[in-house]
PDB file of N, CA and C in Angstrom:
ATOM      1  N   MET A   1      36.163  12.633  -1.441  1.00  0.00           N
ATOM      2  CA  MET A   1      35.240  12.522  -0.273  1.00  0.00           C
ATOM      3  C   MET A   1      34.675  13.824  -0.001  1.00  0.00           C
ATOM      4  N   SER A   2      33.458  13.707   0.173  1.00  0.00           N
ATOM      5  CA  SER A   2      32.573  14.987   0.619  1.00  0.00           C
ATOM      6  C   SER A   2      32.073  14.996   1.902  1.00  0.00           C
ATOM      7  N   HIS A   3      31.898  16.045   2.556  1.00  0.00           N
ATOM      8  CA  HIS A   3      31.200  16.210   3.840  1.00  0.00           C
ATOM      9  C   HIS A   3      30.144  17.146   3.801  1.00  0.00           C
ATOM     10  N   GLN A   4      29.150  17.059   4.709  1.00  0.00           N
ATOM     11  CA  GLN A   4      28.062  18.024   4.732  1.00  0.00           C
ATOM     12  C   GLN A   4      28.339  18.950   5.834  1.00  0.00           C
ATOM     13  N   SER A   5      27.962  20.269   5.455  1.00  0.00           N
ATOM     14  CA  SER A   5      28.265  21.169   6.370  1.00  0.00           C
ATOM     15  C   SER A   5      26.931  21.398   7.314  1.00  0.00           C
ATOM     16  N   SER A   6      26.982  21.868   8.652  1.00  0.00           N
ATOM     17  CA  SER A   6      25.938  21.848   9.523  1.00  0.00           C
ATOM     18  C   SER A   6      25.207  23.036   9.311  1.00  0.00           C
ATOM     19  N   ILE A   7      25.638  23.974   8.409  1.00  0.00           N
ATOM     20  CA  ILE A   7      24.978  25.182   8.095  1.00  0.00           C
ATOM     21  C   ILE A   7      24.261  25.027   6.696  1.00  0.00           C
ATOM     22  N   LYS A   8      22.863  25.260   6.743  1.00  0.00           N
ATOM     23  CA  LYS A   8      22.121  25.279   5.495  1.00  0.00           C
ATOM     24  C   LYS A   8      22.411  26.348   4.615  1.00  0.00           C
ATOM     25  N   SER A   9      22.371  25.992   3.389  1.00  0.00           N
ATOM     26  CA  SER A   9      22.572  27.065   2.330  1.00  0.00           C
ATOM     27  C   SER A   9      21.256  27.906   2.304  1.00  0.00           C
ATOM     28  N   CYS A  10      21.360  29.242   1.944  1.00  0.00           N
ATOM     29  CA  CYS A  10      20.233  30.103   1.896  1.00  0.00           C
ATOM     30  C   CYS A  10      19.716  30.336   0.446  1.00  0.00           C
ATOM     31  N   GLY A  11      20.151  29.546  -0.513  1.00  0.00           N
ATOM     32  CA  GLY A  11      19.873  29.631  -1.938  1.00  0.00           C
ATOM     33  C   GLY A  11      18.569  29.096  -2.165  1.00  0.00           C
ATOM     34  N   LYS A  12      18.222  29.120  -3.417  1.00  0.00           N
ATOM     35  CA  LYS A  12      16.964  28.478  -3.991  1.00  0.00           C
ATOM     36  C   LYS A  12      16.983  26.904  -3.751  1.00  0.00           C
ATOM     37  N   ALA A  13      15.871  26.339  -3.615  1.00  0.00           N
ATOM     38  CA  ALA A  13      15.822  24.834  -3.466  1.00  0.00           C
ATOM     39  C   ALA A  13      15.856  24.311  -4.984  1.00  0.00           C
ATOM     40  N   SER A  14      16.496  23.116  -5.039  1.00  0.00           N
ATOM     41  CA  SER A  14      16.671  22.598  -6.424  1.00  0.00           C
ATOM     42  C   SER A  14      15.245  21.944  -6.729  1.00  0.00           C
ATOM     43  N   ASN A  15      14.945  21.720  -7.985  1.00  0.00           N
ATOM     44  CA  ASN A  15      13.868  21.201  -8.460  1.00  0.00           C
ATOM     45  C   ASN A  15      13.516  19.784  -7.876  1.00  0.00           C
ATOM     46  N   CYS A  16      14.499  19.002  -7.519  1.00  0.00           N
ATOM     47  CA  CYS A  16      14.405  17.758  -7.026  1.00  0.00           C
ATOM     48  C   CYS A  16      13.964  17.814  -5.483  1.00  0.00           C
ATOM     49  N   GLN A  17      14.389  18.819  -4.870  1.00  0.00           N
ATOM     50  CA  GLN A  17      14.024  19.061  -3.383  1.00  0.00           C
ATOM     51  C   GLN A  17      12.628  19.558  -3.355  1.00  0.00           C
ATOM     52  N   LEU A  18      12.343  20.442  -4.420  1.00  0.00           N
ATOM     53  CA  LEU A  18      10.859  20.804  -4.330  1.00  0.00           C
ATOM     54  C   LEU A  18       9.864  19.646  -4.649  1.00  0.00           C
ATOM     55  N   LYS A  19      10.241  18.715  -5.399  1.00  0.00           N
ATOM     56  CA  LYS A  19       9.366  17.549  -5.756  1.00  0.00           C
ATOM     57  C   LYS A  19       9.228  16.686  -4.587  1.00  0.00           C
ATOM     58  N   ARG A  20      10.306  16.545  -3.754  1.00  0.00           N
ATOM     59  CA  ARG A  20      10.392  15.783  -2.587  1.00  0.00           C
ATOM     60  C   ARG A  20       9.392  16.423  -1.630  1.00  0.00           C
ATOM     61  N   ARG A  21       9.529  17.657  -1.405  1.00  0.00           N
ATOM     62  CA  ARG A  21       8.753  18.409  -0.431  1.00  0.00           C
ATOM     63  C   ARG A  21       7.199  18.360  -0.883  1.00  0.00           C
ATOM     64  N   GLN A  22       6.977  18.448  -2.145  1.00  0.00           N
ATOM     65  CA  GLN A  22       5.568  18.301  -2.551  1.00  0.00           C
ATOM     66  C   GLN A  22       5.150  16.931  -2.298  1.00  0.00           C
ATOM     67  N   GLY A  23       5.917  15.896  -2.579  1.00  0.00           N
ATOM     68  CA  GLY A  23       5.479  14.533  -2.348  1.00  0.00           C
ATOM     69  C   GLY A  23       5.237  14.288  -0.793  1.00  0.00           C
ATOM     70  N   ARG A  24       5.979  14.883  -0.111  1.00  0.00           N
ATOM     71  CA  ARG A  24       5.798  14.750   1.440  1.00  0.00           C
ATOM     72  C   ARG A  24       4.481  15.403   1.804  1.00  0.00           C
ATOM     73  N   CYS A  25       4.241  16.562   1.272  1.00  0.00           N
ATOM     74  CA  CYS A  25       3.018  17.211   1.440  1.00  0.00           C
ATOM     75  C   CYS A  25       1.682  16.406   1.117  1.00  0.00           C
ATOM     76  N   ARG A  26       1.914  15.825   0.013  1.00  0.00           N
ATOM     77  CA  ARG A  26       0.789  15.043  -0.502  1.00  0.00           C
ATOM     78  C   ARG A  26       0.471  13.812   0.342  1.00  0.00           C
ATOM     79  N   LEU A  27       1.668  13.151   0.763  1.00  0.00           N
ATOM     80  CA  LEU A  27       1.506  11.940   1.731  1.00  0.00           C
ATOM     81  C   LEU A  27       0.911  12.408   3.001  1.00  0.00           C
ATOM     82  N   GLN A  28       1.227  13.560   3.464  1.00  0.00           N
ATOM     83  CA  GLN A  28       0.779  14.088   4.835  1.00  0.00           C
ATOM     84  C   GLN A  28      -0.768  14.387   4.743  1.00  0.00           C
ATOM     85  N   ARG A  29      -1.229  14.867   3.588  1.00  0.00           N
ATOM     86  CA  ARG A  29      -2.591  15.076   3.372  1.00  0.00           C
ATOM     87  C   ARG A  29      -3.384  13.795   3.343  1.00  0.00           C
ATOM     88  N   LEU A  30      -2.842  12.872   2.662  1.00  0.00           N
ATOM     89  CA  LEU A  30      -3.429  11.455   2.562  1.00  0.00           C
ATOM     90  C   LEU A  30      -3.531  10.779   3.832  1.00  0.00           C
ATOM     91  N   LYS A  31      -2.452  10.855   4.613  1.00  0.00           N
ATOM     92  CA  LYS A  31      -2.526  10.382   5.999  1.00  0.00           C
ATOM     93  C   LYS A  31      -3.515  10.960   6.839  1.00  0.00           C
ATOM     94  N   CYS A  32      -3.576  12.264   6.775  1.00  0.00           N
ATOM     95  CA  CYS A  32      -4.665  12.978   7.566  1.00  0.00           C
ATOM     96  C   CYS A  32      -6.074  12.559   7.312  1.00  0.00           C
ATOM     97  N   ALA A  33      -6.339  12.349   5.836  1.00  0.00           N
ATOM     98  CA  ALA A  33      -7.593  11.979   5.444  1.00  0.00           C
ATOM     99  C   ALA A  33      -7.935  10.451   5.926  1.00  0.00           C
ATOM    100  N   ILE A  34      -6.955   9.576   5.881  1.00  0.00           N
ATOM    101  CA  ILE A  34      -7.172   8.265   6.441  1.00  0.00           C
ATOM    102  C   ILE A  34      -7.444   8.168   7.843  1.00  0.00           C
ATOM    103  N   GLU A  35      -6.660   9.022   8.615  1.00  0.00           N
ATOM    104  CA  GLU A  35      -6.856   9.132  10.100  1.00  0.00           C
ATOM    105  C   GLU A  35      -8.137   9.670  10.528  1.00  0.00           C
ATOM    106  N   ALA A  36      -8.592  10.557   9.725  1.00  0.00           N
ATOM    107  CA  ALA A  36      -9.995  11.144   9.843  1.00  0.00           C
ATOM    108  C   ALA A  36     -11.042  10.038   9.829  1.00  0.00           C
ATOM    109  N   LYS A  37     -10.841   9.184   8.765  1.00  0.00           N
ATOM    110  CA  LYS A  37     -11.900   8.102   8.573  1.00  0.00           C
ATOM    111  C   LYS A  37     -11.865   7.278   9.805  1.00  0.00           C
ATOM    112  N   ILE A  38     -10.610   6.905  10.170  1.00  0.00           N
ATOM    113  CA  ILE A  38     -10.470   6.014  11.286  1.00  0.00           C
ATOM    114  C   ILE A  38     -11.037   6.523  12.550  1.00  0.00           C
ATOM    115  N   SER A  39     -10.904   7.810  12.846  1.00  0.00           N
ATOM    116  CA  SER A  39     -11.512   8.523  13.991  1.00  0.00           C
ATOM    117  C   SER A  39     -13.072   8.570  13.899  1.00  0.00           C
ATOM    118  N   LEU A  40     -13.662   8.813  12.712  1.00  0.00           N
ATOM    119  CA  LEU A  40     -15.038   8.814  12.523  1.00  0.00           C
ATOM    120  C   LEU A  40     -15.569   7.401  12.804  1.00  0.00           C
ATOM    121  N   ALA A  41     -14.832   6.347  12.299  1.00  0.00           N
ATOM    122  CA  ALA A  41     -15.281   4.967  12.700  1.00  0.00           C
ATOM    123  C   ALA A  41     -15.396   4.765  14.048  1.00  0.00           C
ATOM    124  N   LYS A  42     -14.331   5.183  14.838  1.00  0.00           N
ATOM    125  CA  LYS A  42     -14.314   4.955  16.177  1.00  0.00           C
ATOM    126  C   LYS A  42     -15.267   5.662  16.997  1.00  0.00           C
ATOM    127  N   ARG A  43     -15.574   6.959  16.558  1.00  0.00           N
ATOM    128  CA  ARG A  43     -16.644   7.807  17.293  1.00  0.00           C
ATOM    129  C   ARG A  43     -18.003   7.370  17.060  1.00  0.00           C
ATOM    130  N   LYS A  44     -18.351   7.137  15.642  1.00  0.00           N
ATOM    131  CA  LYS A  44     -19.735   7.159  15.353  1.00  0.00           C
ATOM    132  C   LYS A  44     -20.181   5.616  15.081  1.00  0.00           C
ATOM    133  N   TYR A  45     -19.336   4.835  14.772  1.00  0.00           N
ATOM    134  CA  TYR A  45     -19.800   3.425  14.543  1.00  0.00           C
ATOM    135  C   TYR A  45     -19.224   2.354  15.528  1.00  0.00           C
ATOM    136  N   GLY A  46     -18.661   2.869  16.685  1.00  0.00           N
ATOM    137  CA  GLY A  46     -18.430   1.817  17.716  1.00  0.00           C
ATOM    138  C   GLY A  46     -17.299   1.050  17.501  1.00  0.00           C
ATOM    139  N   LEU A  47     -16.352   1.327  16.528  1.00  0.00           N
ATOM    140  CA  LEU A  47     -15.103   0.527  16.280  1.00  0.00           C
ATOM    141  C   LEU A  47     -14.051   0.629  17.279  1.00  0.00           C
ATOM    142  N   ASN A  48     -14.325   1.513  18.430  1.00  0.00           N
ATOM    143  CA  ASN A  48     -13.213   1.565  19.471  1.00  0.00           C
ATOM    144  C   ASN A  48     -13.336   0.447  20.470  1.00  0.00           C
ATOM    145  N   ARG A  49     -14.411  -0.266  20.511  1.00  0.00           N
ATOM    146  CA  ARG A  49     -14.420  -1.296  21.439  1.00  0.00           C
ATOM    147  C   ARG A  49     -15.155  -2.665  20.605  1.00  0.00           C
ATOM    148  N   ILE A  50     -14.670  -3.713  20.845  1.00  0.00           N
ATOM    149  CA  ILE A  50     -15.126  -4.999  20.137  1.00  0.00           C
ATOM    150  C   ILE A  50     -15.994  -5.718  21.143  1.00  0.00           C
ATOM    151  N   ASN A  51     -17.449  -5.894  20.744  1.00  0.00           N
ATOM    152  CA  ASN A  51     -18.446  -6.421  21.426  1.00  0.00           C
ATOM    153  C   ASN A  51     -18.502  -8.044  21.238  1.00  0.00           C
ATOM    154  N   TYR A  52     -17.894  -8.585  20.263  1.00  0.00           N
ATOM    155  CA  TYR A  52     -18.040 -10.098  20.090  1.00  0.00           C
ATOM    156  C   TYR A  52     -16.942 -10.789  20.755  1.00  0.00           C
ATOM    157  N   ARG A  53     -17.201 -11.724  21.471  1.00  0.00           N
ATOM    158  CA  ARG A  53     -16.386 -12.546  22.268  1.00  0.00           C
ATOM    159  C   ARG A  53     -16.145 -13.982  21.602  1.00  0.00           C
ATOM    160  N   ILE A  54     -16.335 -14.079  20.360  1.00  0.00           N
ATOM    161  CA  ILE A  54     -16.203 -15.289  19.851  1.00  0.00           C
ATOM    162  C   ILE A  54     -14.881 -15.368  18.859  1.00  0.00           C
ATOM    163  N   GLN A  55     -14.528 -16.436  18.356  1.00  0.00           N
ATOM    164  CA  GLN A  55     -13.361 -16.535  17.593  1.00  0.00           C
ATOM    165  C   GLN A  55     -13.713 -15.674  16.213  1.00  0.00           C
ATOM    166  N   ASN A  56     -12.651 -14.891  15.884  1.00  0.00           N
ATOM    167  CA  ASN A  56     -12.727 -13.846  14.779  1.00  0.00           C
ATOM    168  C   ASN A  56     -13.733 -12.837  15.067  1.00  0.00           C
ATOM    169  N   GLY A  57     -14.192 -12.509  16.131  1.00  0.00           N
ATOM    170  CA  GLY A  57     -15.172 -11.667  16.474  1.00  0.00           C
ATOM    171  C   GLY A  57     -14.756 -10.209  16.127  1.00  0.00           C
ATOM    172  N   GLU A  58     -13.483  -9.937  16.349  1.00  0.00           N
ATOM    173  CA  GLU A  58     -13.099  -8.581  16.151  1.00  0.00           C
ATOM    174  C   GLU A  58     -13.236  -8.213  14.640  1.00  0.00           C
ATOM    175  N   GLU A  59     -12.810  -9.217  13.775  1.00  0.00           N
ATOM    176  CA  GLU A  59     -12.938  -9.188  12.411  1.00  0.00           C
ATOM    177  C   GLU A  59     -14.422  -8.828  11.939  1.00  0.00           C
ATOM    178  N   ILE A  60     -15.288  -9.543  12.541  1.00  0.00           N
ATOM    179  CA  ILE A  60     -16.750  -9.471  12.151  1.00  0.00           C
ATOM    180  C   ILE A  60     -17.290  -8.092  12.585  1.00  0.00           C
ATOM    181  N   TRP A  61     -16.796  -7.662  13.809  1.00  0.00           N
ATOM    182  CA  TRP A  61     -17.307  -6.353  14.265  1.00  0.00           C
ATOM    183  C   TRP A  61     -16.821  -5.158  13.403  1.00  0.00           C
ATOM    184  N   ILE A  62     -15.529  -5.241  12.897  1.00  0.00           N
ATOM    185  CA  ILE A  62     -14.947  -4.165  12.147  1.00  0.00           C
ATOM    186  C   ILE A  62     -15.522  -4.071  10.874  1.00  0.00           C
ATOM    187  N   ARG A  63     -15.806  -5.398  10.191  1.00  0.00           N
ATOM    188  CA  ARG A  63     -16.493  -5.453   8.815  1.00  0.00           C
ATOM    189  C   ARG A  63     -17.867  -4.818   8.893  1.00  0.00           C
ATOM    190  N   MET A  64     -18.652  -5.216   9.998  1.00  0.00           N
ATOM    191  CA  MET A  64     -19.957  -4.699  10.046  1.00  0.00           C
ATOM    192  C   MET A  64     -19.882  -3.271  10.161  1.00  0.00           C
ATOM    193  N   GLY A  65     -18.952  -2.620  10.984  1.00  0.00           N
ATOM    194  CA  GLY A  65     -18.874  -1.213  11.118  1.00  0.00           C
ATOM    195  C   GLY A  65     -18.623  -0.514   9.734  1.00  0.00           C
ATOM    196  N   LEU A  66     -17.608  -1.103   9.154  1.00  0.00           N
ATOM    197  CA  LEU A  66     -17.266  -0.619   7.693  1.00  0.00           C
ATOM    198  C   LEU A  66     -18.447  -0.733   6.776  1.00  0.00           C
ATOM    199  N   LEU A  67     -19.315  -1.790   6.776  1.00  0.00           N
ATOM    200  CA  LEU A  67     -20.311  -1.973   5.930  1.00  0.00           C
ATOM    201  C   LEU A  67     -21.324  -0.884   6.455  1.00  0.00           C
ATOM    202  N   ALA A  68     -21.650  -0.523   7.639  1.00  0.00           N
ATOM    203  CA  ALA A  68     -22.585   0.466   8.077  1.00  0.00           C
ATOM    204  C   ALA A  68     -22.101   1.829   7.336  1.00  0.00           C
ATOM    205  N   MET A  69     -20.718   2.192   7.524  1.00  0.00           N
ATOM    206  CA  MET A  69     -20.162   3.428   6.929  1.00  0.00           C
ATOM    207  C   MET A  69     -20.554   3.414   5.403  1.00  0.00           C
ATOM    208  N   ASN A  70     -20.275   2.404   4.690  1.00  0.00           N
ATOM    209  CA  ASN A  70     -20.447   2.353   3.397  1.00  0.00           C
ATOM    210  C   ASN A  70     -21.833   2.557   2.927  1.00  0.00           C
ATOM    211  N   LEU A  71     -22.829   1.762   3.716  1.00  0.00           N
ATOM    212  CA  LEU A  71     -24.275   1.786   3.444  1.00  0.00           C
ATOM    213  C   LEU A  71     -24.724   3.203   3.633  1.00  0.00           C
ATOM    214  N   LYS A  72     -24.380   3.959   4.659  1.00  0.00           N
ATOM    215  CA  LYS A  72     -24.755   5.184   5.011  1.00  0.00           C
ATOM    216  C   LYS A  72     -24.316   6.189   3.866  1.00  0.00           C
ATOM    217  N   LYS A  73     -23.212   6.071   3.328  1.00  0.00           N
ATOM    218  CA  LYS A  73     -22.583   6.869   2.312  1.00  0.00           C
ATOM    219  C   LYS A  73     -23.353   6.609   1.016  1.00  0.00           C
ATOM    220  N   ALA A  74     -23.596   5.272   0.789  1.00  0.00           N
ATOM    221  CA  ALA A  74     -24.409   4.933  -0.441  1.00  0.00           C
ATOM    222  C   ALA A  74     -25.861   5.500  -0.428  1.00  0.00           C
ATOM    223  N   MET A  75     -26.383   5.528   0.695  1.00  0.00           N
ATOM    224  CA  MET A  75     -27.767   6.035   0.868  1.00  0.00           C
ATOM    225  C   MET A  75     -27.876   7.546   0.584  1.00  0.00           C
ATOM    226  N   ASN A  76     -26.734   8.318   0.856  1.00  0.00           N
ATOM    227  CA  ASN A  76     -26.644   9.666   0.618  1.00  0.00           C
ATOM    228  C   ASN A  76     -26.251  10.111  -0.666  1.00  0.00           C
ATOM    229  N   TYR A  77     -25.884   9.069  -1.520  1.00  0.00           N
ATOM    230  CA  TYR A  77     -25.340   9.354  -2.728  1.00  0.00           C
ATOM    231  C   TYR A  77     -26.317   9.567  -3.876  1.00  0.00           C
ATOM    232  N   ARG A  78     -26.394  10.591  -4.558  1.00  0.00           N
ATOM    233  CA  ARG A  78     -27.536  10.770  -5.527  1.00  0.00           C
ATOM    234  C   ARG A  78     -27.023  11.069  -6.874  1.00  0.00           C
TER     235      ARG A  78
END
């Protein structure tokens, strides 16, 4: 039977712990990048409010906003 101490050890982190920490950092960077794109879509392309009052209007509105984002990016691509 093993128990965990409430005091952390001050030694070096194991290889497994370092990999876990690097993985968490990578996921955090990915999450920040995704949230930045969502924020851009809300600010610049009007995805913070839905203007269609028809059935499936919200899906149409979001798809058109994402299409506008992709077209703008494609036009700037050289």
